Amino acid sequence: MRDNLTIVQPIKLTNDAEIQKAQRYVGTAMTACLGFWTLPVISGVICAKIERTLITKTLKVMGCYSDAGLEKVFWFFRQKTFFLYVGTYLPGLGVPLQLLETYGIGQFAIHCALRPELLTNDAWLQQSWNEIEPDILSGEHAIQSYEQFTGSTFPDKARKKFLATVNFVNQLYLYTQKFPGAVEAQKGLADLARELMRLGIEGITDSTKIIAAAAKYVDKQATKVIAHADNKMEGFLSKSRAARERFNAETEAKYGLKPLDTSRNVGSDTKG
């Protein structure tokens, strides 16, 4: 087995201080995701970026960062949880699942980094997954970790929904894993998403530019519509003023009547 290993960094002992710091990074990333609690859909794109940054910081603080290691850890986790990832874009479920996914990918990266020389080895990554899978699918563990490493209390407004969503998804995940081909389907879909990115096609895992471009286009079109409406209204008002002036002129010429003074306060009339 070791003959096929890609050595990223010499074997070293990871001390508790490095792990503690990495856990604080996880807590910080979870805090960032909580900040998007009220922004469904778009928060999925943002949190996907946060997760890659989290892996990068985790591997660096534990002294084993490499581009190959980052990609291997990120996509191995995505292969195991692709259905969960898709769920992060669903209204109602998305944001709680993003928080769970961020916690899970952080714990997975930390565990994988315990053996830097095996960071790109599939057998070690699979062993790491097997050992932490029950923990990362636990809402209670995620909340405990958040509170321990951020020193903050998990927001009450989010706690109930988060726990209910995670418990539901946990049971659903365990159930679906029993179906023949479910594991292979997740892996295949994740590999497809990765290939799309490799080919330079903006997939759902890297759609920030698309959303930004769409927002810019919508803003531009909205500006045009508003300007067009303003022009139409100005034209209408101009025609209205012209029509009123013609009417006043014709009335004065035909009947010798001056136009009504609309600024006169009729309420000021008094009887003699």
C-alpha atoms as a PDB file:
ATOM      1  CA  MET A   1       0.000   0.000   0.000  1.00  0.00           C
ATOM      2  CA  ARG A   2       2.703   2.496   0.926  1.00  0.00           C
ATOM      3  CA  ASP A   3       4.432   1.981  -2.411  1.00  0.00           C
ATOM      4  CA  ASN A   4       1.532   3.813  -4.077  1.00  0.00           C
ATOM      5  CA  LEU A   5       1.480   6.789  -1.719  1.00  0.00           C
ATOM      6  CA  THR A   6       2.048  10.326  -2.889  1.00  0.00           C
ATOM      7  CA  ILE A   7       4.133  11.904  -0.146  1.00  0.00           C
ATOM      8  CA  VAL A   8       2.994  15.485   0.478  1.00  0.00           C
ATOM      9  CA  GLN A   9       5.169  16.238   3.473  1.00  0.00           C
ATOM     10  CA  PRO A  10       7.447  14.214   5.753  1.00  0.00           C
ATOM     11  CA  ILE A  11       5.729  12.418   8.603  1.00  0.00           C
ATOM     12  CA  LYS A  12       5.380  14.636  11.644  1.00  0.00           C
ATOM     13  CA  LEU A  13       3.440  14.668  14.872  1.00  0.00           C
ATOM     14  CA  THR A  14       0.569  17.168  14.903  1.00  0.00           C
ATOM     15  CA  ASN A  15       0.341  18.907  18.268  1.00  0.00           C
ATOM     16  CA  ASP A  16      -2.846  19.862  20.075  1.00  0.00           C
ATOM     17  CA  ALA A  17      -2.264  23.578  19.485  1.00  0.00           C
ATOM     18  CA  GLU A  18      -2.488  23.076  15.723  1.00  0.00           C
ATOM     19  CA  ILE A  19      -5.683  21.055  16.048  1.00  0.00           C
ATOM     20  CA  GLN A  20      -7.214  23.643  18.369  1.00  0.00           C
ATOM     21  CA  LYS A  21      -6.405  26.410  15.901  1.00  0.00           C
ATOM     22  CA  ALA A  22      -7.866  24.394  13.038  1.00  0.00           C
ATOM     23  CA  GLN A  23     -11.035  23.839  15.080  1.00  0.00           C
ATOM     24  CA  ARG A  24     -11.298  27.587  15.610  1.00  0.00           C
ATOM     25  CA  TYR A  25     -11.141  28.001  11.834  1.00  0.00           C
ATOM     26  CA  VAL A  26     -14.099  25.614  11.598  1.00  0.00           C
ATOM     27  CA  GLY A  27     -15.993  27.701  14.151  1.00  0.00           C
ATOM     28  CA  THR A  28     -15.217  30.886  12.243  1.00  0.00           C
ATOM     29  CA  ALA A  29     -16.428  29.353   8.976  1.00  0.00           C
ATOM     30  CA  MET A  30     -19.645  28.225  10.675  1.00  0.00           C
ATOM     31  CA  THR A  31     -20.139  31.755  12.004  1.00  0.00           C
ATOM     32  CA  ALA A  32     -19.799  33.089   8.463  1.00  0.00           C
ATOM     33  CA  CYS A  33     -22.414  30.618   7.224  1.00  0.00           C
ATOM     34  CA  LEU A  34     -24.767  31.608  10.042  1.00  0.00           C
ATOM     35  CA  GLY A  35     -24.485  35.162   8.766  1.00  0.00           C
ATOM     36  CA  PHE A  36     -26.260  34.061   5.580  1.00  0.00           C
ATOM     37  CA  TRP A  37     -29.118  32.337   7.437  1.00  0.00           C
ATOM     38  CA  THR A  38     -31.685  34.653   5.833  1.00  0.00           C
ATOM     39  CA  LEU A  39     -30.233  34.413   2.305  1.00  0.00           C
ATOM     40  CA  PRO A  40     -31.299  31.078   0.775  1.00  0.00           C
ATOM     41  CA  VAL A  41     -29.830  29.822  -2.537  1.00  0.00           C
ATOM     42  CA  ILE A  42     -27.132  32.484  -2.934  1.00  0.00           C
ATOM     43  CA  SER A  43     -25.747  31.508   0.459  1.00  0.00           C
ATOM     44  CA  GLY A  44     -24.960  28.076  -1.020  1.00  0.00           C
ATOM     45  CA  VAL A  45     -22.559  29.642  -3.504  1.00  0.00           C
ATOM     46  CA  ILE A  46     -20.895  31.738  -0.806  1.00  0.00           C
ATOM     47  CA  CYS A  47     -20.566  28.822   1.617  1.00  0.00           C
ATOM     48  CA  ALA A  48     -18.983  26.658  -1.095  1.00  0.00           C
ATOM     49  CA  LYS A  49     -16.234  29.274  -1.320  1.00  0.00           C
ATOM     50  CA  ILE A  50     -15.942  29.381   2.465  1.00  0.00           C
ATOM     51  CA  GLU A  51     -15.447  25.598   2.580  1.00  0.00           C
ATOM     52  CA  ARG A  52     -12.497  25.628   0.176  1.00  0.00           C
ATOM     53  CA  THR A  53     -10.927  28.447   2.182  1.00  0.00           C
ATOM     54  CA  LEU A  54     -11.504  26.441   5.369  1.00  0.00           C
ATOM     55  CA  ILE A  55      -9.688  23.387   3.984  1.00  0.00           C
ATOM     56  CA  THR A  56      -6.818  25.568   2.809  1.00  0.00           C
ATOM     57  CA  LYS A  57      -6.378  27.192   6.229  1.00  0.00           C
ATOM     58  CA  THR A  58      -6.734  23.865   8.030  1.00  0.00           C
ATOM     59  CA  LEU A  59      -4.066  22.135   5.974  1.00  0.00           C
ATOM     60  CA  LYS A  60      -1.732  25.122   6.275  1.00  0.00           C
ATOM     61  CA  VAL A  61      -2.014  25.418  10.048  1.00  0.00           C
ATOM     62  CA  MET A  62      -1.382  21.678  10.340  1.00  0.00           C
ATOM     63  CA  GLY A  63       1.677  21.994   8.119  1.00  0.00           C
ATOM     64  CA  CYS A  64       0.631  19.836   5.190  1.00  0.00           C
ATOM     65  CA  TYR A  65      -0.902  22.114   2.581  1.00  0.00           C
ATOM     66  CA  SER A  66      -0.567  21.383  -1.115  1.00  0.00           C
ATOM     67  CA  ASP A  67      -2.815  22.081  -4.070  1.00  0.00           C
ATOM     68  CA  ALA A  68      -3.131  18.342  -4.621  1.00  0.00           C
ATOM     69  CA  GLY A  69      -4.079  17.798  -0.979  1.00  0.00           C
ATOM     70  CA  LEU A  70      -6.702  20.559  -1.088  1.00  0.00           C
ATOM     71  CA  GLU A  71      -8.333  19.124  -4.201  1.00  0.00           C
ATOM     72  CA  LYS A  72      -8.190  15.557  -2.915  1.00  0.00           C
ATOM     73  CA  VAL A  73      -9.808  16.326   0.450  1.00  0.00           C
ATOM     74  CA  PHE A  74     -12.443  18.649  -1.022  1.00  0.00           C
ATOM     75  CA  TRP A  75     -13.583  16.291  -3.760  1.00  0.00           C
ATOM     76  CA  PHE A  76     -13.402  13.137  -1.655  1.00  0.00           C
ATOM     77  CA  PHE A  77     -15.791  14.782   0.817  1.00  0.00           C
ATOM     78  CA  ARG A  78     -17.996  15.962  -2.053  1.00  0.00           C
ATOM     79  CA  GLN A  79     -18.166  12.407  -3.429  1.00  0.00           C
ATOM     80  CA  LYS A  80     -19.448  11.183  -0.077  1.00  0.00           C
ATOM     81  CA  THR A  81     -21.968  13.970   0.448  1.00  0.00           C
ATOM     82  CA  PHE A  82     -23.065  15.137  -3.000  1.00  0.00           C
ATOM     83  CA  PHE A  83     -26.767  14.661  -2.220  1.00  0.00           C
ATOM     84  CA  LEU A  84     -26.260  16.747   0.916  1.00  0.00           C
ATOM     85  CA  TYR A  85     -24.511  19.382  -1.174  1.00  0.00           C
ATOM     86  CA  VAL A  86     -27.414  19.554  -3.630  1.00  0.00           C
ATOM     87  CA  GLY A  87     -29.736  19.958  -0.648  1.00  0.00           C
ATOM     88  CA  THR A  88     -27.888  23.119   0.384  1.00  0.00           C
ATOM     89  CA  TYR A  89     -29.554  24.895  -2.545  1.00  0.00           C
ATOM     90  CA  LEU A  90     -33.114  23.889  -1.570  1.00  0.00           C
ATOM     91  CA  PRO A  91     -35.349  26.558  -0.003  1.00  0.00           C
ATOM     92  CA  GLY A  92     -36.069  25.817   3.637  1.00  0.00           C
ATOM     93  CA  LEU A  93     -33.341  23.188   3.977  1.00  0.00           C
ATOM     94  CA  GLY A  94     -30.406  24.890   2.310  1.00  0.00           C
ATOM     95  CA  VAL A  95     -28.917  27.115   4.982  1.00  0.00           C
ATOM     96  CA  PRO A  96     -29.025  24.571   7.859  1.00  0.00           C
ATOM     97  CA  LEU A  97     -27.424  21.993   5.564  1.00  0.00           C
ATOM     98  CA  GLN A  98     -24.729  24.471   4.543  1.00  0.00           C
ATOM     99  CA  LEU A  99     -23.863  24.910   8.197  1.00  0.00           C
ATOM    100  CA  LEU A 100     -23.718  21.139   8.711  1.00  0.00           C
ATOM    101  CA  GLU A 101     -21.632  20.656   5.565  1.00  0.00           C
ATOM    102  CA  THR A 102     -19.156  23.338   6.648  1.00  0.00           C
ATOM    103  CA  TYR A 103     -18.761  21.666  10.042  1.00  0.00           C
ATOM    104  CA  GLY A 104     -18.369  18.262   8.409  1.00  0.00           C
ATOM    105  CA  ILE A 105     -15.804  19.251   5.822  1.00  0.00           C
ATOM    106  CA  GLY A 106     -13.763  21.007   8.505  1.00  0.00           C
ATOM    107  CA  GLN A 107     -13.700  17.922  10.727  1.00  0.00           C
ATOM    108  CA  PHE A 108     -12.837  15.734   7.753  1.00  0.00           C
ATOM    109  CA  ALA A 109      -9.929  17.980   6.743  1.00  0.00           C
ATOM    110  CA  ILE A 110      -8.553  17.971  10.292  1.00  0.00           C
ATOM    111  CA  HIS A 111      -8.721  14.192  10.553  1.00  0.00           C
ATOM    112  CA  CYS A 112      -7.091  13.686   7.140  1.00  0.00           C
ATOM    113  CA  ALA A 113      -4.279  16.075   8.092  1.00  0.00           C
ATOM    114  CA  LEU A 114      -3.358  13.913  11.094  1.00  0.00           C
ATOM    115  CA  ARG A 115      -1.375  11.812   8.621  1.00  0.00           C
ATOM    116  CA  PRO A 116       0.195  14.354   6.250  1.00  0.00           C
ATOM    117  CA  GLU A 117       2.096  11.706   4.299  1.00  0.00           C
ATOM    118  CA  LEU A 118      -1.218  10.011   3.444  1.00  0.00           C
ATOM    119  CA  LEU A 119      -3.168  13.125   2.537  1.00  0.00           C
ATOM    120  CA  THR A 120      -3.752  12.084  -1.075  1.00  0.00           C
ATOM    121  CA  ASN A 121      -4.143   8.375  -0.346  1.00  0.00           C
ATOM    122  CA  ASP A 122      -7.669   7.045  -0.983  1.00  0.00           C
ATOM    123  CA  ALA A 123      -7.417   4.318   1.670  1.00  0.00           C
ATOM    124  CA  TRP A 124      -6.508   6.836   4.373  1.00  0.00           C
ATOM    125  CA  LEU A 125      -9.229   9.262   3.300  1.00  0.00           C
ATOM    126  CA  GLN A 126     -11.758   6.434   3.369  1.00  0.00           C
ATOM    127  CA  GLN A 127     -10.595   5.428   6.851  1.00  0.00           C
ATOM    128  CA  SER A 128     -10.893   9.049   7.986  1.00  0.00           C
ATOM    129  CA  TRP A 129     -14.416   9.231   6.597  1.00  0.00           C
ATOM    130  CA  ASN A 130     -15.455   6.005   8.321  1.00  0.00           C
ATOM    131  CA  GLU A 131     -14.170   7.277  11.660  1.00  0.00           C
ATOM    132  CA  ILE A 132     -15.843  10.684  11.611  1.00  0.00           C
ATOM    133  CA  GLU A 133     -19.020   9.987   9.618  1.00  0.00           C
ATOM    134  CA  PRO A 134     -21.272   9.524  12.689  1.00  0.00           C
ATOM    135  CA  ASP A 135     -19.928  12.730  14.252  1.00  0.00           C
ATOM    136  CA  ILE A 136     -20.287  15.056  11.282  1.00  0.00           C
ATOM    137  CA  LEU A 137     -23.915  14.057  10.749  1.00  0.00           C
ATOM    138  CA  SER A 138     -24.811  15.032  14.317  1.00  0.00           C
ATOM    139  CA  GLY A 139     -26.432  18.421  14.829  1.00  0.00           C
ATOM    140  CA  GLU A 140     -25.679  18.322  18.551  1.00  0.00           C
ATOM    141  CA  HIS A 141     -21.981  17.723  17.924  1.00  0.00           C
ATOM    142  CA  ALA A 142     -21.894  20.559  15.415  1.00  0.00           C
ATOM    143  CA  ILE A 143     -23.445  22.967  17.929  1.00  0.00           C
ATOM    144  CA  GLN A 144     -21.130  21.818  20.737  1.00  0.00           C
ATOM    145  CA  SER A 145     -18.090  22.314  18.519  1.00  0.00           C
ATOM    146  CA  TYR A 146     -19.288  25.750  17.438  1.00  0.00           C
ATOM    147  CA  GLU A 147     -19.822  26.908  21.015  1.00  0.00           C
ATOM    148  CA  GLN A 148     -16.556  25.411  22.266  1.00  0.00           C
ATOM    149  CA  PHE A 149     -14.283  26.896  19.633  1.00  0.00           C
ATOM    150  CA  THR A 150     -15.963  30.259  19.100  1.00  0.00           C
ATOM    151  CA  GLY A 151     -16.864  31.013  22.698  1.00  0.00           C
ATOM    152  CA  SER A 152     -20.307  32.048  21.453  1.00  0.00           C
ATOM    153  CA  THR A 153     -23.736  30.592  22.069  1.00  0.00           C
ATOM    154  CA  PHE A 154     -25.395  29.060  19.039  1.00  0.00           C
ATOM    155  CA  PRO A 155     -28.221  31.448  18.037  1.00  0.00           C
ATOM    156  CA  ASP A 156     -31.535  30.401  19.553  1.00  0.00           C
ATOM    157  CA  LYS A 157     -33.428  31.495  16.436  1.00  0.00           C
ATOM    158  CA  ALA A 158     -31.464  28.959  14.364  1.00  0.00           C
ATOM    159  CA  ARG A 159     -30.997  26.096  16.860  1.00  0.00           C
ATOM    160  CA  LYS A 160     -34.409  24.453  16.573  1.00  0.00           C
ATOM    161  CA  LYS A 161     -34.540  24.517  12.777  1.00  0.00           C
ATOM    162  CA  PHE A 162     -30.920  23.397  12.483  1.00  0.00           C
ATOM    163  CA  LEU A 163     -31.375  20.378  14.748  1.00  0.00           C
ATOM    164  CA  ALA A 164     -34.669  19.376  13.132  1.00  0.00           C
ATOM    165  CA  THR A 165     -33.192  19.643   9.631  1.00  0.00           C
ATOM    166  CA  VAL A 166     -30.013  17.743  10.511  1.00  0.00           C
ATOM    167  CA  ASN A 167     -31.895  14.944  12.272  1.00  0.00           C
ATOM    168  CA  PHE A 168     -34.196  14.560   9.269  1.00  0.00           C
ATOM    169  CA  VAL A 169     -31.337  14.592   6.765  1.00  0.00           C
ATOM    170  CA  ASN A 170     -29.275  12.214   8.908  1.00  0.00           C
ATOM    171  CA  GLN A 171     -32.038   9.621   8.869  1.00  0.00           C
ATOM    172  CA  LEU A 172     -32.635  10.181   5.155  1.00  0.00           C
ATOM    173  CA  TYR A 173     -28.923   9.882   4.412  1.00  0.00           C
ATOM    174  CA  LEU A 174     -28.545   6.625   6.327  1.00  0.00           C
ATOM    175  CA  TYR A 175     -31.652   5.251   4.601  1.00  0.00           C
ATOM    176  CA  THR A 176     -30.532   6.154   1.081  1.00  0.00           C
ATOM    177  CA  GLN A 177     -27.105   4.646   1.621  1.00  0.00           C
ATOM    178  CA  LYS A 178     -28.804   1.268   1.798  1.00  0.00           C
ATOM    179  CA  PHE A 179     -29.982   1.529  -1.804  1.00  0.00           C
ATOM    180  CA  PRO A 180     -27.805  -0.229  -4.387  1.00  0.00           C
ATOM    181  CA  GLY A 181     -25.861   2.290  -6.397  1.00  0.00           C
ATOM    182  CA  ALA A 182     -26.489   5.280  -4.088  1.00  0.00           C
ATOM    183  CA  VAL A 183     -22.831   5.625  -3.112  1.00  0.00           C
ATOM    184  CA  GLU A 184     -21.704   5.206  -6.713  1.00  0.00           C
ATOM    185  CA  ALA A 185     -24.278   7.772  -7.876  1.00  0.00           C
ATOM    186  CA  GLN A 186     -22.980  10.411  -5.474  1.00  0.00           C
ATOM    187  CA  LYS A 187     -19.407   9.747  -6.534  1.00  0.00           C
ATOM    188  CA  GLY A 188     -20.327   9.890 -10.202  1.00  0.00           C
ATOM    189  CA  LEU A 189     -22.173  13.189  -9.862  1.00  0.00           C
ATOM    190  CA  ALA A 190     -19.324  14.730  -7.895  1.00  0.00           C
ATOM    191  CA  ASP A 191     -16.831  13.564 -10.522  1.00  0.00           C
ATOM    192  CA  LEU A 192     -19.036  15.097 -13.226  1.00  0.00           C
ATOM    193  CA  ALA A 193     -19.133  18.436 -11.387  1.00  0.00           C
ATOM    194  CA  ARG A 194     -15.367  18.330 -11.009  1.00  0.00           C
ATOM    195  CA  GLU A 195     -14.892  17.572 -14.707  1.00  0.00           C
ATOM    196  CA  LEU A 196     -17.125  20.474 -15.682  1.00  0.00           C
ATOM    197  CA  MET A 197     -14.969  22.769 -13.603  1.00  0.00           C
ATOM    198  CA  ARG A 198     -11.809  21.302 -15.105  1.00  0.00           C
ATOM    199  CA  LEU A 199     -13.140  22.069 -18.574  1.00  0.00           C
ATOM    200  CA  GLY A 200     -13.735  25.640 -17.557  1.00  0.00           C
ATOM    201  CA  ILE A 201     -17.535  25.355 -17.516  1.00  0.00           C
ATOM    202  CA  GLU A 202     -19.117  27.236 -14.600  1.00  0.00           C
ATOM    203  CA  GLY A 203     -20.887  24.488 -12.687  1.00  0.00           C
ATOM    204  CA  ILE A 204     -23.059  24.760  -9.606  1.00  0.00           C
ATOM    205  CA  THR A 205     -20.007  24.478  -7.393  1.00  0.00           C
ATOM    206  CA  ASP A 206     -18.436  27.617  -8.831  1.00  0.00           C
ATOM    207  CA  SER A 207     -21.311  29.857  -9.973  1.00  0.00           C
ATOM    208  CA  THR A 208     -20.343  33.090  -8.237  1.00  0.00           C
ATOM    209  CA  LYS A 209     -19.354  34.743 -11.526  1.00  0.00           C
ATOM    210  CA  ILE A 210     -22.587  33.692 -13.168  1.00  0.00           C
ATOM    211  CA  ILE A 211     -24.689  35.097 -10.329  1.00  0.00           C
ATOM    212  CA  ALA A 212     -22.677  38.322 -10.283  1.00  0.00           C
ATOM    213  CA  ALA A 213     -23.083  38.698 -14.054  1.00  0.00           C
ATOM    214  CA  ALA A 214     -26.805  37.960 -13.805  1.00  0.00           C
ATOM    215  CA  ALA A 215     -27.220  40.505 -11.018  1.00  0.00           C
ATOM    216  CA  LYS A 216     -25.357  43.089 -13.085  1.00  0.00           C
ATOM    217  CA  TYR A 217     -27.538  42.337 -16.109  1.00  0.00           C
ATOM    218  CA  VAL A 218     -30.749  42.570 -14.062  1.00  0.00           C
ATOM    219  CA  ASP A 219     -29.598  45.861 -12.559  1.00  0.00           C
ATOM    220  CA  LYS A 220     -28.779  47.211 -16.023  1.00  0.00           C
ATOM    221  CA  GLN A 221     -32.144  46.156 -17.414  1.00  0.00           C
ATOM    222  CA  ALA A 222     -33.961  47.586 -14.405  1.00  0.00           C
ATOM    223  CA  THR A 223     -32.172  50.905 -14.933  1.00  0.00           C
ATOM    224  CA  LYS A 224     -33.290  50.922 -18.582  1.00  0.00           C
ATOM    225  CA  VAL A 225     -36.884  50.150 -17.633  1.00  0.00           C
ATOM    226  CA  ILE A 226     -36.955  52.896 -15.023  1.00  0.00           C
ATOM    227  CA  ALA A 227     -35.424  55.399 -17.447  1.00  0.00           C
ATOM    228  CA  HIS A 228     -37.961  54.409 -20.110  1.00  0.00           C
ATOM    229  CA  ALA A 229     -40.813  54.811 -17.638  1.00  0.00           C
ATOM    230  CA  ASP A 230     -39.491  58.233 -16.607  1.00  0.00           C
ATOM    231  CA  ASN A 231     -39.343  59.324 -20.248  1.00  0.00           C
ATOM    232  CA  LYS A 232     -42.867  58.078 -20.856  1.00  0.00           C
ATOM    233  CA  MET A 233     -44.164  59.913 -17.786  1.00  0.00           C
ATOM    234  CA  GLU A 234     -42.363  63.116 -18.768  1.00  0.00           C
ATOM    235  CA  GLY A 235     -43.867  62.877 -22.245  1.00  0.00           C
ATOM    236  CA  PHE A 236     -47.325  62.355 -20.798  1.00  0.00           C
ATOM    237  CA  LEU A 237     -46.961  65.323 -18.450  1.00  0.00           C
ATOM    238  CA  SER A 238     -45.701  67.524 -21.296  1.00  0.00           C
ATOM    239  CA  LYS A 239     -48.695  66.620 -23.451  1.00  0.00           C
ATOM    240  CA  SER A 240     -51.009  67.203 -20.498  1.00  0.00           C
ATOM    241  CA  ARG A 241     -49.574  70.664 -19.871  1.00  0.00           C
ATOM    242  CA  ALA A 242     -49.800  71.541 -23.572  1.00  0.00           C
ATOM    243  CA  ALA A 243     -53.421  70.380 -23.752  1.00  0.00           C
ATOM    244  CA  ARG A 244     -54.344  72.398 -20.672  1.00  0.00           C
ATOM    245  CA  GLU A 245     -52.688  75.516 -22.074  1.00  0.00           C
ATOM    246  CA  ARG A 246     -54.563  75.123 -25.374  1.00  0.00           C
ATOM    247  CA  PHE A 247     -57.844  74.675 -23.538  1.00  0.00           C
ATOM    248  CA  ASN A 248     -57.233  77.794 -21.429  1.00  0.00           C
ATOM    249  CA  ALA A 249     -56.321  79.829 -24.510  1.00  0.00           C
ATOM    250  CA  GLU A 250     -59.408  78.679 -26.425  1.00  0.00           C
ATOM    251  CA  THR A 251     -61.687  79.342 -23.416  1.00  0.00           C
ATOM    252  CA  GLU A 252     -60.331  82.853 -22.956  1.00  0.00           C
ATOM    253  CA  ALA A 253     -60.615  83.655 -26.679  1.00  0.00           C
ATOM    254  CA  LYS A 254     -64.166  82.326 -27.027  1.00  0.00           C
ATOM    255  CA  TYR A 255     -65.748  83.408 -23.768  1.00  0.00           C
ATOM    256  CA  GLY A 256     -63.397  86.015 -22.426  1.00  0.00           C
ATOM    257  CA  LEU A 257     -62.888  83.917 -19.302  1.00  0.00           C
ATOM    258  CA  LYS A 258     -59.647  83.713 -17.472  1.00  0.00           C
ATOM    259  CA  PRO A 259     -58.468  80.250 -16.414  1.00  0.00           C
ATOM    260  CA  LEU A 260     -59.400  79.239 -12.897  1.00  0.00           C
ATOM    261  CA  ASP A 261     -56.781  80.068 -10.305  1.00  0.00           C
ATOM    262  CA  THR A 262     -56.352  76.615  -8.790  1.00  0.00           C
ATOM    263  CA  SER A 263     -54.114  77.992  -6.104  1.00  0.00           C
ATOM    264  CA  ARG A 264     -57.041  79.950  -4.621  1.00  0.00           C
ATOM    265  CA  ASN A 265     -58.214  78.590  -1.305  1.00  0.00           C
ATOM    266  CA  VAL A 266     -61.949  78.168  -1.805  1.00  0.00           C
ATOM    267  CA  GLY A 267     -62.350  77.460   1.848  1.00  0.00           C
ATOM    268  CA  SER A 268     -61.482  81.060   2.653  1.00  0.00           C
ATOM    269  CA  ASP A 269     -64.707  82.458   1.161  1.00  0.00           C
ATOM    270  CA  THR A 270     -67.001  84.050   3.762  1.00  0.00           C
ATOM    271  CA  LYS A 271     -70.537  85.306   3.536  1.00  0.00           C
ATOM    272  CA  GLY A 272     -71.198  89.016   4.017  1.00  0.00           C
END
